[in-house]
Amino acid sequence: MTKPSDEVDSWLLERLVSPHDGAALDRSGRGLRCVGGHTFPVVQGVPMLLRDDVDQTIGPAHQSLEAARAVHEGALPADGLHVGTLGISEREMERVTELAASGTSAIDPVVAYLVGATSGPCMHT
């Protein structure tokens, strides 16, 4: 069963803490909040616990933060793949989308593509 975009599994929520201060997180509207006032969007049941007040070490972190906020605020639909946040080329995004549409992958199409791209010859081409 797919969770709504703003619902976090209660087992997971009990174990998560704020990356800012280690405080427990509680549901707050469509996201999560800690006692320190830090808020985090939730996209398709996944809390985006990336900090926006520190330098990021990779570009996709910025893209993920921006996309999560946009989805959370209703400005961008949750497409399920989030290919724009992967730091891959337009052609690679097309390949991931094609793999997802084909329904031939036994695992998540994004994972299938990225693992193949980092582990030698792609098995999904």
PDB file of N, CA and C in Angstrom:
ATOM      1  N   MET A   1       0.840  -1.191   0.000  1.00  0.00           N
ATOM      2  CA  MET A   1       0.000   0.000   0.000  1.00  0.00           C
ATOM      3  C   MET A   1       0.880   1.248   0.000  1.00  0.00           C
ATOM      4  N   THR A   2       0.616   2.179  -0.894  1.00  0.00           N
ATOM      5  CA  THR A   2       1.372   3.417  -0.981  1.00  0.00           C
ATOM      6  C   THR A   2       0.846   4.409   0.044  1.00  0.00           C
ATOM      7  N   LYS A   3       1.772   5.045   0.742  1.00  0.00           N
ATOM      8  CA  LYS A   3       1.384   6.033   1.735  1.00  0.00           C
ATOM      9  C   LYS A   3       1.119   7.373   1.059  1.00  0.00           C
ATOM     10  N   PRO A   4       0.191   8.168   1.602  1.00  0.00           N
ATOM     11  CA  PRO A   4       0.008   9.520   1.076  1.00  0.00           C
ATOM     12  C   PRO A   4       1.319  10.296   1.194  1.00  0.00           C
ATOM     13  N   SER A   5       1.457  11.350   0.409  1.00  0.00           N
ATOM     14  CA  SER A   5       2.722  12.072   0.352  1.00  0.00           C
ATOM     15  C   SER A   5       3.131  12.689   1.685  1.00  0.00           C
ATOM     16  N   ASP A   6       2.212  12.883   2.601  1.00  0.00           N
ATOM     17  CA  ASP A   6       2.570  13.530   3.853  1.00  0.00           C
ATOM     18  C   ASP A   6       2.583  12.569   5.049  1.00  0.00           C
ATOM     19  N   GLU A   7       2.408  11.281   4.824  1.00  0.00           N
ATOM     20  CA  GLU A   7       2.359  10.331   5.927  1.00  0.00           C
ATOM     21  C   GLU A   7       3.688   9.597   6.069  1.00  0.00           C
ATOM     22  N   VAL A   8       4.243   9.635   7.284  1.00  0.00           N
ATOM     23  CA  VAL A   8       5.483   8.925   7.587  1.00  0.00           C
ATOM     24  C   VAL A   8       5.129   7.726   8.449  1.00  0.00           C
ATOM     25  N   ASP A   9       5.714   6.590   8.130  1.00  0.00           N
ATOM     26  CA  ASP A   9       5.493   5.388   8.917  1.00  0.00           C
ATOM     27  C   ASP A   9       5.810   5.670  10.389  1.00  0.00           C
ATOM     28  N   SER A  10       4.922   5.301  11.291  1.00  0.00           N
ATOM     29  CA  SER A  10       5.105   5.607  12.715  1.00  0.00           C
ATOM     30  C   SER A  10       6.354   4.937  13.285  1.00  0.00           C
ATOM     31  N   TRP A  11       6.690   3.716  12.827  1.00  0.00           N
ATOM     32  CA  TRP A  11       7.909   3.053  13.293  1.00  0.00           C
ATOM     33  C   TRP A  11       9.124   3.907  12.952  1.00  0.00           C
ATOM     34  N   LEU A  12       9.167   4.436  11.740  1.00  0.00           N
ATOM     35  CA  LEU A  12      10.275   5.275  11.309  1.00  0.00           C
ATOM     36  C   LEU A  12      10.300   6.578  12.084  1.00  0.00           C
ATOM     37  N   LEU A  13       9.163   7.201  12.241  1.00  0.00           N
ATOM     38  CA  LEU A  13       9.082   8.476  12.940  1.00  0.00           C
ATOM     39  C   LEU A  13       9.606   8.371  14.368  1.00  0.00           C
ATOM     40  N   GLU A  14       9.360   7.264  15.035  1.00  0.00           N
ATOM     41  CA  GLU A  14       9.849   7.067  16.405  1.00  0.00           C
ATOM     42  C   GLU A  14      11.366   7.022  16.480  1.00  0.00           C
ATOM     43  N   ARG A  15      12.034   6.746  15.378  1.00  0.00           N
ATOM     44  CA  ARG A  15      13.476   6.572  15.362  1.00  0.00           C
ATOM     45  C   ARG A  15      14.248   7.738  14.753  1.00  0.00           C
ATOM     46  N   LEU A  16      13.556   8.642  14.107  1.00  0.00           N
ATOM     47  CA  LEU A  16      14.216   9.772  13.464  1.00  0.00           C
ATOM     48  C   LEU A  16      14.455  10.914  14.437  1.00  0.00           C
ATOM     49  N   VAL A  17      15.514  11.660  14.195  1.00  0.00           N
ATOM     50  CA  VAL A  17      15.796  12.874  14.962  1.00  0.00           C
ATOM     51  C   VAL A  17      16.201  13.981  14.003  1.00  0.00           C
ATOM     52  N   SER A  18      16.123  15.182  14.473  1.00  0.00           N
ATOM     53  CA  SER A  18      16.500  16.338  13.669  1.00  0.00           C
ATOM     54  C   SER A  18      18.004  16.325  13.414  1.00  0.00           C
ATOM     55  N   PRO A  19      18.425  16.523  12.168  1.00  0.00           N
ATOM     56  CA  PRO A  19      19.859  16.603  11.894  1.00  0.00           C
ATOM     57  C   PRO A  19      20.482  17.896  12.422  1.00  0.00           C
ATOM     58  N   HIS A  20      19.664  18.839  12.835  1.00  0.00           N
ATOM     59  CA  HIS A  20      20.176  20.087  13.397  1.00  0.00           C
ATOM     60  C   HIS A  20      20.610  19.923  14.842  1.00  0.00           C
ATOM     61  N   ASP A  21      19.755  19.279  15.647  1.00  0.00           N
ATOM     62  CA  ASP A  21      20.007  19.258  17.082  1.00  0.00           C
ATOM     63  C   ASP A  21      19.749  17.911  17.756  1.00  0.00           C
ATOM     64  N   GLY A  22      19.413  16.893  16.984  1.00  0.00           N
ATOM     65  CA  GLY A  22      19.191  15.568  17.555  1.00  0.00           C
ATOM     66  C   GLY A  22      17.872  15.424  18.290  1.00  0.00           C
ATOM     67  N   ALA A  23      17.007  16.437  18.186  1.00  0.00           N
ATOM     68  CA  ALA A  23      15.718  16.398  18.882  1.00  0.00           C
ATOM     69  C   ALA A  23      14.740  15.495  18.127  1.00  0.00           C
ATOM     70  N   ALA A  24      13.791  14.955  18.858  1.00  0.00           N
ATOM     71  CA  ALA A  24      12.744  14.121  18.259  1.00  0.00           C
ATOM     72  C   ALA A  24      11.940  14.941  17.261  1.00  0.00           C
ATOM     73  N   LEU A  25      11.363  14.259  16.313  1.00  0.00           N
ATOM     74  CA  LEU A  25      10.537  14.902  15.293  1.00  0.00           C
ATOM     75  C   LEU A  25       9.078  14.523  15.499  1.00  0.00           C
ATOM     76  N   ASP A  26       8.212  15.488  15.269  1.00  0.00           N
ATOM     77  CA  ASP A  26       6.774  15.266  15.353  1.00  0.00           C
ATOM     78  C   ASP A  26       6.136  15.704  14.051  1.00  0.00           C
ATOM     79  N   ARG A  27       4.975  15.137  13.761  1.00  0.00           N
ATOM     80  CA  ARG A  27       4.229  15.562  12.584  1.00  0.00           C
ATOM     81  C   ARG A  27       3.793  17.009  12.764  1.00  0.00           C
ATOM     82  N   SER A  28       3.883  17.759  11.698  1.00  0.00           N
ATOM     83  CA  SER A  28       3.456  19.153  11.715  1.00  0.00           C
ATOM     84  C   SER A  28       2.894  19.477  10.344  1.00  0.00           C
ATOM     85  N   GLY A  29       1.581  19.523  10.253  1.00  0.00           N
ATOM     86  CA  GLY A  29       0.973  19.735   8.950  1.00  0.00           C
ATOM     87  C   GLY A  29       1.335  18.595   8.022  1.00  0.00           C
ATOM     88  N   ARG A  30       1.913  18.916   6.874  1.00  0.00           N
ATOM     89  CA  ARG A  30       2.308  17.906   5.901  1.00  0.00           C
ATOM     90  C   ARG A  30       3.777  17.521   6.038  1.00  0.00           C
ATOM     91  N   GLY A  31       4.451  17.986   7.075  1.00  0.00           N
ATOM     92  CA  GLY A  31       5.869  17.688   7.250  1.00  0.00           C
ATOM     93  C   GLY A  31       6.193  17.277   8.671  1.00  0.00           C
ATOM     94  N   LEU A  32       7.443  17.476   9.043  1.00  0.00           N
ATOM     95  CA  LEU A  32       7.920  17.162  10.381  1.00  0.00           C
ATOM     96  C   LEU A  32       8.570  18.405  10.981  1.00  0.00           C
ATOM     97  N   ARG A  33       8.555  18.466  12.316  1.00  0.00           N
ATOM     98  CA  ARG A  33       9.137  19.609  13.029  1.00  0.00           C
ATOM     99  C   ARG A  33       9.775  19.090  14.313  1.00  0.00           C
ATOM    100  N   CYS A  34      10.885  19.740  14.700  1.00  0.00           N
ATOM    101  CA  CYS A  34      11.504  19.421  15.991  1.00  0.00           C
ATOM    102  C   CYS A  34      11.230  20.562  16.963  1.00  0.00           C
ATOM    103  N   VAL A  35      11.550  20.362  18.245  1.00  0.00           N
ATOM    104  CA  VAL A  35      11.287  21.387  19.257  1.00  0.00           C
ATOM    105  C   VAL A  35      12.103  22.648  19.001  1.00  0.00           C
ATOM    106  N   GLY A  36      13.196  22.522  18.254  1.00  0.00           N
ATOM    107  CA  GLY A  36      14.011  23.683  17.911  1.00  0.00           C
ATOM    108  C   GLY A  36      13.417  24.517  16.792  1.00  0.00           C
ATOM    109  N   GLY A  37      12.268  24.086  16.260  1.00  0.00           N
ATOM    110  CA  GLY A  37      11.590  24.839  15.216  1.00  0.00           C
ATOM    111  C   GLY A  37      12.024  24.501  13.801  1.00  0.00           C
ATOM    112  N   HIS A  38      12.904  23.551  13.636  1.00  0.00           N
ATOM    113  CA  HIS A  38      13.328  23.145  12.293  1.00  0.00           C
ATOM    114  C   HIS A  38      12.239  22.292  11.660  1.00  0.00           C
ATOM    115  N   THR A  39      11.944  22.577  10.412  1.00  0.00           N
ATOM    116  CA  THR A  39      10.904  21.828   9.712  1.00  0.00           C
ATOM    117  C   THR A  39      11.503  21.087   8.525  1.00  0.00           C
ATOM    118  N   PHE A  40      10.860  19.986   8.178  1.00  0.00           N
ATOM    119  CA  PHE A  40      11.337  19.120   7.108  1.00  0.00           C
ATOM    120  C   PHE A  40      10.148  18.647   6.275  1.00  0.00           C
ATOM    121  N   PRO A  41      10.247  18.802   4.961  1.00  0.00           N
ATOM    122  CA  PRO A  41       9.168  18.295   4.103  1.00  0.00           C
ATOM    123  C   PRO A  41       9.185  16.775   4.050  1.00  0.00           C
ATOM    124  N   VAL A  42       8.047  16.218   3.699  1.00  0.00           N
ATOM    125  CA  VAL A  42       7.906  14.774   3.510  1.00  0.00           C
ATOM    126  C   VAL A  42       7.389  14.557   2.096  1.00  0.00           C
ATOM    127  N   VAL A  43       8.067  13.713   1.338  1.00  0.00           N
ATOM    128  CA  VAL A  43       7.674  13.427  -0.043  1.00  0.00           C
ATOM    129  C   VAL A  43       7.430  11.938  -0.174  1.00  0.00           C
ATOM    130  N   GLN A  44       6.221  11.581  -0.497  1.00  0.00           N
ATOM    131  CA  GLN A  44       5.819  10.188  -0.671  1.00  0.00           C
ATOM    132  C   GLN A  44       6.197   9.333   0.544  1.00  0.00           C
ATOM    133  N   GLY A  45       5.976   9.886   1.725  1.00  0.00           N
ATOM    134  CA  GLY A  45       6.243   9.173   2.961  1.00  0.00           C
ATOM    135  C   GLY A  45       7.693   9.193   3.410  1.00  0.00           C
ATOM    136  N   VAL A  46       8.558   9.894   2.670  1.00  0.00           N
ATOM    137  CA  VAL A  46       9.988   9.936   3.006  1.00  0.00           C
ATOM    138  C   VAL A  46      10.353  11.322   3.523  1.00  0.00           C
ATOM    139  N   PRO A  47      10.772  11.417   4.793  1.00  0.00           N
ATOM    140  CA  PRO A  47      11.206  12.708   5.320  1.00  0.00           C
ATOM    141  C   PRO A  47      12.508  13.139   4.653  1.00  0.00           C
ATOM    142  N   MET A  48      12.553  14.391   4.230  1.00  0.00           N
ATOM    143  CA  MET A  48      13.755  14.945   3.619  1.00  0.00           C
ATOM    144  C   MET A  48      14.541  15.666   4.713  1.00  0.00           C
ATOM    145  N   LEU A  49      15.441  14.937   5.335  1.00  0.00           N
ATOM    146  CA  LEU A  49      16.175  15.475   6.478  1.00  0.00           C
ATOM    147  C   LEU A  49      17.508  16.090   6.073  1.00  0.00           C
ATOM    148  N   LEU A  50      17.526  16.737   4.927  1.00  0.00           N
ATOM    149  CA  LEU A  50      18.717  17.435   4.481  1.00  0.00           C
ATOM    150  C   LEU A  50      18.733  18.826   5.094  1.00  0.00           C
ATOM    151  N   ARG A  51      19.905  19.258   5.531  1.00  0.00           N
ATOM    152  CA  ARG A  51      20.032  20.594   6.104  1.00  0.00           C
ATOM    153  C   ARG A  51      20.255  21.602   4.987  1.00  0.00           C
ATOM    154  N   ASP A  52      19.577  22.749   5.107  1.00  0.00           N
ATOM    155  CA  ASP A  52      19.735  23.794   4.109  1.00  0.00           C
ATOM    156  C   ASP A  52      20.634  24.932   4.600  1.00  0.00           C
ATOM    157  N   ASP A  53      21.198  24.777   5.780  1.00  0.00           N
ATOM    158  CA  ASP A  53      22.033  25.830   6.361  1.00  0.00           C
ATOM    159  C   ASP A  53      23.525  25.485   6.322  1.00  0.00           C
ATOM    160  N   VAL A  54      23.879  24.454   5.593  1.00  0.00           N
ATOM    161  CA  VAL A  54      25.278  24.042   5.488  1.00  0.00           C
ATOM    162  C   VAL A  54      25.637  23.886   4.013  1.00  0.00           C
ATOM    163  N   ASP A  55      26.932  23.933   3.712  1.00  0.00           N
ATOM    164  CA  ASP A  55      27.374  23.688   2.345  1.00  0.00           C
ATOM    165  C   ASP A  55      27.109  22.228   2.000  1.00  0.00           C
ATOM    166  N   GLN A  56      26.550  22.010   0.825  1.00  0.00           N
ATOM    167  CA  GLN A  56      26.305  20.653   0.367  1.00  0.00           C
ATOM    168  C   GLN A  56      27.533  20.151  -0.380  1.00  0.00           C
ATOM    169  N   THR A  57      27.783  18.877  -0.287  1.00  0.00           N
ATOM    170  CA  THR A  57      28.958  18.314  -0.939  1.00  0.00           C
ATOM    171  C   THR A  57      28.675  17.837  -2.350  1.00  0.00           C
ATOM    172  N   ILE A  58      27.394  17.681  -2.696  1.00  0.00           N
ATOM    173  CA  ILE A  58      27.038  17.265  -4.053  1.00  0.00           C
ATOM    174  C   ILE A  58      25.842  18.082  -4.542  1.00  0.00           C
ATOM    175  N   GLY A  59      25.813  18.345  -5.838  1.00  0.00           N
ATOM    176  CA  GLY A  59      24.733  19.126  -6.441  1.00  0.00           C
ATOM    177  C   GLY A  59      23.347  18.571  -6.231  1.00  0.00           C
ATOM    178  N   PRO A  60      23.170  17.262  -6.348  1.00  0.00           N
ATOM    179  CA  PRO A  60      21.814  16.730  -6.176  1.00  0.00           C
ATOM    180  C   PRO A  60      21.184  17.043  -4.812  1.00  0.00           C
ATOM    181  N   ALA A  61      21.985  17.360  -3.804  1.00  0.00           N
ATOM    182  CA  ALA A  61      21.410  17.718  -2.504  1.00  0.00           C
ATOM    183  C   ALA A  61      20.580  18.996  -2.642  1.00  0.00           C
ATOM    184  N   HIS A  62      21.102  19.988  -3.375  1.00  0.00           N
ATOM    185  CA  HIS A  62      20.346  21.222  -3.609  1.00  0.00           C
ATOM    186  C   HIS A  62      19.067  20.927  -4.389  1.00  0.00           C
ATOM    187  N   GLN A  63      19.208  20.112  -5.433  1.00  0.00           N
ATOM    188  CA  GLN A  63      18.047  19.765  -6.249  1.00  0.00           C
ATOM    189  C   GLN A  63      17.004  19.024  -5.418  1.00  0.00           C
ATOM    190  N   SER A  64      17.444  18.141  -4.544  1.00  0.00           N
ATOM    191  CA  SER A  64      16.515  17.386  -3.695  1.00  0.00           C
ATOM    192  C   SER A  64      15.786  18.301  -2.728  1.00  0.00           C
ATOM    193  N   LEU A  65      16.513  19.231  -2.116  1.00  0.00           N
ATOM    194  CA  LEU A  65      15.877  20.178  -1.198  1.00  0.00           C
ATOM    195  C   LEU A  65      14.831  21.014  -1.911  1.00  0.00           C
ATOM    196  N   GLU A  66      15.174  21.553  -3.072  1.00  0.00           N
ATOM    197  CA  GLU A  66      14.244  22.391  -3.823  1.00  0.00           C
ATOM    198  C   GLU A  66      13.013  21.603  -4.256  1.00  0.00           C
ATOM    199  N   ALA A  67      13.226  20.407  -4.774  1.00  0.00           N
ATOM    200  CA  ALA A  67      12.098  19.591  -5.227  1.00  0.00           C
ATOM    201  C   ALA A  67      11.215  19.175  -4.057  1.00  0.00           C
ATOM    202  N   ALA A  68      11.806  18.799  -2.941  1.00  0.00           N
ATOM    203  CA  ALA A  68      11.023  18.390  -1.774  1.00  0.00           C
ATOM    204  C   ALA A  68      10.158  19.540  -1.277  1.00  0.00           C
ATOM    205  N   ARG A  69      10.721  20.727  -1.231  1.00  0.00           N
ATOM    206  CA  ARG A  69       9.930  21.891  -0.798  1.00  0.00           C
ATOM    207  C   ARG A  69       8.780  22.154  -1.773  1.00  0.00           C
ATOM    208  N   ALA A  70       9.078  22.074  -3.062  1.00  0.00           N
ATOM    209  CA  ALA A  70       8.040  22.337  -4.066  1.00  0.00           C
ATOM    210  C   ALA A  70       6.914  21.307  -3.984  1.00  0.00           C
ATOM    211  N   VAL A  71       7.257  20.031  -3.819  1.00  0.00           N
ATOM    212  CA  VAL A  71       6.241  18.985  -3.677  1.00  0.00           C
ATOM    213  C   VAL A  71       5.454  19.218  -2.397  1.00  0.00           C
ATOM    214  N   HIS A  72       6.155  19.501  -1.319  1.00  0.00           N
ATOM    215  CA  HIS A  72       5.527  19.714  -0.023  1.00  0.00           C
ATOM    216  C   HIS A  72       4.542  20.884  -0.063  1.00  0.00           C
ATOM    217  N   GLU A  73       4.906  21.940  -0.789  1.00  0.00           N
ATOM    218  CA  GLU A  73       4.061  23.130  -0.875  1.00  0.00           C
ATOM    219  C   GLU A  73       2.989  23.012  -1.953  1.00  0.00           C
ATOM    220  N   GLY A  74       2.972  21.889  -2.663  1.00  0.00           N
ATOM    221  CA  GLY A  74       1.967  21.667  -3.691  1.00  0.00           C
ATOM    222  C   GLY A  74       2.280  22.347  -5.013  1.00  0.00           C
ATOM    223  N   ALA A  75       3.480  22.903  -5.157  1.00  0.00           N
ATOM    224  CA  ALA A  75       3.855  23.598  -6.386  1.00  0.00           C
ATOM    225  C   ALA A  75       4.366  22.648  -7.457  1.00  0.00           C
ATOM    226  N   LEU A  76       4.657  21.414  -7.081  1.00  0.00           N
ATOM    227  CA  LEU A  76       5.199  20.429  -8.014  1.00  0.00           C
ATOM    228  C   LEU A  76       4.609  19.074  -7.654  1.00  0.00           C
ATOM    229  N   PRO A  77       4.065  18.356  -8.621  1.00  0.00           N
ATOM    230  CA  PRO A  77       3.515  17.033  -8.294  1.00  0.00           C
ATOM    231  C   PRO A  77       4.624  16.042  -7.976  1.00  0.00           C
ATOM    232  N   ALA A  78       4.348  15.116  -7.089  1.00  0.00           N
ATOM    233  CA  ALA A  78       5.297  14.048  -6.781  1.00  0.00           C
ATOM    234  C   ALA A  78       5.188  13.024  -7.892  1.00  0.00           C
ATOM    235  N   ASP A  79       6.232  12.943  -8.737  1.00  0.00           N
ATOM    236  CA  ASP A  79       6.164  12.043  -9.890  1.00  0.00           C
ATOM    237  C   ASP A  79       6.590  10.623  -9.564  1.00  0.00           C
ATOM    238  N   GLY A  80       7.092  10.405  -8.379  1.00  0.00           N
ATOM    239  CA  GLY A  80       7.493   9.064  -7.980  1.00  0.00           C
ATOM    240  C   GLY A  80       8.926   8.731  -8.327  1.00  0.00           C
ATOM    241  N   LEU A  81       9.460   9.295  -9.393  1.00  0.00           N
ATOM    242  CA  LEU A  81      10.822   8.984  -9.802  1.00  0.00           C
ATOM    243  C   LEU A  81      11.818  10.056  -9.360  1.00  0.00           C
ATOM    244  N   HIS A  82      11.407  11.305  -9.396  1.00  0.00           N
ATOM    245  CA  HIS A  82      12.251  12.427  -9.000  1.00  0.00           C
ATOM    246  C   HIS A  82      13.566  12.443  -9.768  1.00  0.00           C
ATOM    247  N   VAL A  83      13.502  12.169 -11.068  1.00  0.00           N
ATOM    248  CA  VAL A  83      14.716  12.081 -11.874  1.00  0.00           C
ATOM    249  C   VAL A  83      15.492  13.389 -11.922  1.00  0.00           C
ATOM    250  N   GLY A  84      14.819  14.503 -11.723  1.00  0.00           N
ATOM    251  CA  GLY A  84      15.497  15.796 -11.731  1.00  0.00           C
ATOM    252  C   GLY A  84      16.402  16.032 -10.542  1.00  0.00           C
ATOM    253  N   THR A  85      16.345  15.150  -9.567  1.00  0.00           N
ATOM    254  CA  THR A  85      17.170  15.319  -8.363  1.00  0.00           C
ATOM    255  C   THR A  85      18.358  14.357  -8.323  1.00  0.00           C
ATOM    256  N   LEU A  86      18.574  13.625  -9.406  1.00  0.00           N
ATOM    257  CA  LEU A  86      19.580  12.562  -9.385  1.00  0.00           C
ATOM    258  C   LEU A  86      20.961  12.999  -9.849  1.00  0.00           C
ATOM    259  N   GLY A  87      21.062  14.176 -10.435  1.00  0.00           N
ATOM    260  CA  GLY A  87      22.352  14.628 -10.927  1.00  0.00           C
ATOM    261  C   GLY A  87      22.799  13.864 -12.158  1.00  0.00           C
ATOM    262  N   ILE A  88      21.843  13.467 -12.997  1.00  0.00           N
ATOM    263  CA  ILE A  88      22.163  12.715 -14.208  1.00  0.00           C
ATOM    264  C   ILE A  88      21.752  13.534 -15.428  1.00  0.00           C
ATOM    265  N   SER A  89      22.235  13.148 -16.595  1.00  0.00           N
ATOM    266  CA  SER A  89      21.964  13.883 -17.825  1.00  0.00           C
ATOM    267  C   SER A  89      20.506  13.720 -18.259  1.00  0.00           C
ATOM    268  N   GLU A  90      20.097  14.577 -19.206  1.00  0.00           N
ATOM    269  CA  GLU A  90      18.744  14.487 -19.756  1.00  0.00           C
ATOM    270  C   GLU A  90      18.501  13.104 -20.368  1.00  0.00           C
ATOM    271  N   ARG A  91      19.481  12.605 -21.101  1.00  0.00           N
ATOM    272  CA  ARG A  91      19.338  11.284 -21.727  1.00  0.00           C
ATOM    273  C   ARG A  91      19.189  10.193 -20.672  1.00  0.00           C
ATOM    274  N   GLU A  92      19.959  10.294 -19.597  1.00  0.00           N
ATOM    275  CA  GLU A  92      19.849   9.300 -18.522  1.00  0.00           C
ATOM    276  C   GLU A  92      18.486   9.389 -17.836  1.00  0.00           C
ATOM    277  N   MET A  93      17.971  10.609 -17.691  1.00  0.00           N
ATOM    278  CA  MET A  93      16.629  10.764 -17.121  1.00  0.00           C
ATOM    279  C   MET A  93      15.592  10.090 -18.014  1.00  0.00           C
ATOM    280  N   GLU A  94      15.764  10.246 -19.329  1.00  0.00           N
ATOM    281  CA  GLU A  94      14.853   9.588 -20.264  1.00  0.00           C
ATOM    282  C   GLU A  94      14.928   8.072 -20.111  1.00  0.00           C
ATOM    283  N   ARG A  95      16.130   7.543 -19.948  1.00  0.00           N
ATOM    284  CA  ARG A  95      16.298   6.090 -19.810  1.00  0.00           C
ATOM    285  C   ARG A  95      15.610   5.579 -18.543  1.00  0.00           C
ATOM    286  N   VAL A  96      15.747   6.309 -17.437  1.00  0.00           N
ATOM    287  CA  VAL A  96      15.084   5.904 -16.195  1.00  0.00           C
ATOM    288  C   VAL A  96      13.567   5.918 -16.387  1.00  0.00           C
ATOM    289  N   THR A  97      13.075   6.955 -17.033  1.00  0.00           N
ATOM    290  CA  THR A  97      11.639   7.063 -17.282  1.00  0.00           C
ATOM    291  C   THR A  97      11.158   5.928 -18.177  1.00  0.00           C
ATOM    292  N   GLU A  98      11.933   5.608 -19.210  1.00  0.00           N
ATOM    293  CA  GLU A  98      11.594   4.493 -20.098  1.00  0.00           C
ATOM    294  C   GLU A  98      11.582   3.168 -19.338  1.00  0.00           C
ATOM    295  N   LEU A  99      12.580   2.960 -18.485  1.00  0.00           N
ATOM    296  CA  LEU A  99      12.644   1.734 -17.700  1.00  0.00           C
ATOM    297  C   LEU A  99      11.426   1.614 -16.787  1.00  0.00           C
ATOM    298  N   ALA A 100      11.041   2.721 -16.169  1.00  0.00           N
ATOM    299  CA  ALA A 100       9.862   2.709 -15.290  1.00  0.00           C
ATOM    300  C   ALA A 100       8.596   2.400 -16.092  1.00  0.00           C
ATOM    301  N   ALA A 101       8.476   3.009 -17.258  1.00  0.00           N
ATOM    302  CA  ALA A 101       7.284   2.810 -18.084  1.00  0.00           C
ATOM    303  C   ALA A 101       7.191   1.386 -18.626  1.00  0.00           C
ATOM    304  N   SER A 102       8.343   0.752 -18.830  1.00  0.00           N
ATOM    305  CA  SER A 102       8.331  -0.606 -19.393  1.00  0.00           C
ATOM    306  C   SER A 102       7.801  -1.636 -18.406  1.00  0.00           C
ATOM    307  N   GLY A 103       7.964  -1.353 -17.122  1.00  0.00           N
ATOM    308  CA  GLY A 103       7.504  -2.290 -16.098  1.00  0.00           C
ATOM    309  C   GLY A 103       8.309  -3.583 -16.058  1.00  0.00           C
ATOM    310  N   THR A 104       9.480  -3.594 -16.683  1.00  0.00           N
ATOM    311  CA  THR A 104      10.275  -4.823 -16.754  1.00  0.00           C
ATOM    312  C   THR A 104      11.257  -4.983 -15.601  1.00  0.00           C
ATOM    313  N   SER A 105      11.472  -3.941 -14.827  1.00  0.00           N
ATOM    314  CA  SER A 105      12.438  -4.010 -13.741  1.00  0.00           C
ATOM    315  C   SER A 105      11.787  -4.576 -12.484  1.00  0.00           C
ATOM    316  N   ALA A 106      12.445  -5.566 -11.895  1.00  0.00           N
ATOM    317  CA  ALA A 106      11.929  -6.168 -10.663  1.00  0.00           C
ATOM    318  C   ALA A 106      12.212  -5.279  -9.456  1.00  0.00           C
ATOM    319  N   ILE A 107      13.113  -4.320  -9.612  1.00  0.00           N
ATOM    320  CA  ILE A 107      13.405  -3.386  -8.520  1.00  0.00           C
ATOM    321  C   ILE A 107      13.095  -1.969  -8.985  1.00  0.00           C
ATOM    322  N   ASP A 108      13.160  -1.044  -8.092  1.00  0.00           N
ATOM    323  CA  ASP A 108      12.886   0.350  -8.402  1.00  0.00           C
ATOM    324  C   ASP A 108      13.707   0.776  -9.615  1.00  0.00           C
ATOM    325  N   PRO A 109      13.085   1.398 -10.623  1.00  0.00           N
ATOM    326  CA  PRO A 109      13.809   1.749 -11.837  1.00  0.00           C
ATOM    327  C   PRO A 109      14.965   2.719 -11.610  1.00  0.00           C
ATOM    328  N   VAL A 110      14.822   3.642 -10.678  1.00  0.00           N
ATOM    329  CA  VAL A 110      15.920   4.568 -10.393  1.00  0.00           C
ATOM    330  C   VAL A 110      17.103   3.791  -9.825  1.00  0.00           C
ATOM    331  N   VAL A 111      16.850   2.914  -8.879  1.00  0.00           N
ATOM    332  CA  VAL A 111      17.913   2.102  -8.295  1.00  0.00           C
ATOM    333  C   VAL A 111      18.540   1.210  -9.356  1.00  0.00           C
ATOM    334  N   ALA A 112      17.715   0.579 -10.172  1.00  0.00           N
ATOM    335  CA  ALA A 112      18.232  -0.299 -11.227  1.00  0.00           C
ATOM    336  C   ALA A 112      19.165   0.465 -12.152  1.00  0.00           C
ATOM    337  N   TYR A 113      18.789   1.669 -12.524  1.00  0.00           N
ATOM    338  CA  TYR A 113      19.615   2.446 -13.440  1.00  0.00           C
ATOM    339  C   TYR A 113      20.897   2.923 -12.767  1.00  0.00           C
ATOM    340  N   LEU A 114      20.780   3.471 -11.575  1.00  0.00           N
ATOM    341  CA  LEU A 114      21.959   4.017 -10.910  1.00  0.00           C
ATOM    342  C   LEU A 114      22.958   2.939 -10.515  1.00  0.00           C
ATOM    343  N   VAL A 115      22.488   1.792 -10.062  1.00  0.00           N
ATOM    344  CA  VAL A 115      23.399   0.704  -9.732  1.00  0.00           C
ATOM    345  C   VAL A 115      24.113   0.230 -10.997  1.00  0.00           C
ATOM    346  N   GLY A 116      23.360   0.083 -12.067  1.00  0.00           N
ATOM    347  CA  GLY A 116      23.964  -0.318 -13.325  1.00  0.00           C
ATOM    348  C   GLY A 116      24.989   0.690 -13.810  1.00  0.00           C
ATOM    349  N   ALA A 117      24.717   1.959 -13.599  1.00  0.00           N
ATOM    350  CA  ALA A 117      25.625   3.014 -14.054  1.00  0.00           C
ATOM    351  C   ALA A 117      26.910   3.065 -13.234  1.00  0.00           C
ATOM    352  N   THR A 118      26.886   2.563 -12.018  1.00  0.00           N
ATOM    353  CA  THR A 118      28.084   2.617 -11.172  1.00  0.00           C
ATOM    354  C   THR A 118      28.804   1.280 -11.078  1.00  0.00           C
ATOM    355  N   SER A 119      28.209   0.242 -11.609  1.00  0.00           N
ATOM    356  CA  SER A 119      28.787  -1.096 -11.427  1.00  0.00           C
ATOM    357  C   SER A 119      29.209  -1.766 -12.732  1.00  0.00           C
ATOM    358  N   GLY A 120      29.526  -0.981 -13.720  1.00  0.00           N
ATOM    359  CA  GLY A 120      29.959  -1.575 -14.980  1.00  0.00           C
ATOM    360  C   GLY A 120      28.844  -1.576 -15.985  1.00  0.00           C
ATOM    361  N   PRO A 121      28.828  -2.534 -16.891  1.00  0.00           N
ATOM    362  CA  PRO A 121      27.816  -2.558 -17.961  1.00  0.00           C
ATOM    363  C   PRO A 121      26.408  -2.592 -17.390  1.00  0.00           C
ATOM    364  N   CYS A 122      25.547  -1.786 -17.980  1.00  0.00           N
ATOM    365  CA  CYS A 122      24.148  -1.728 -17.543  1.00  0.00           C
ATOM    366  C   CYS A 122      23.420  -2.978 -17.991  1.00  0.00           C
ATOM    367  N   MET A 123      22.687  -3.578 -17.086  1.00  0.00           N
ATOM    368  CA  MET A 123      21.938  -4.783 -17.398  1.00  0.00           C
ATOM    369  C   MET A 123      20.545  -4.456 -17.932  1.00  0.00           C
ATOM    370  N   HIS A 124      20.158  -3.195 -17.916  1.00  0.00           N
ATOM    371  CA  HIS A 124      18.803  -2.817 -18.284  1.00  0.00           C
ATOM    372  C   HIS A 124      18.727  -2.133 -19.631  1.00  0.00           C
ATOM    373  N   THR A 125      19.793  -2.134 -20.390  1.00  0.00           N
ATOM    374  CA  THR A 125      19.772  -1.426 -21.675  1.00  0.00           C
ATOM    375  C   THR A 125      19.137  -2.257 -22.764  1.00  0.00           C
TER     376      THR A 125
END
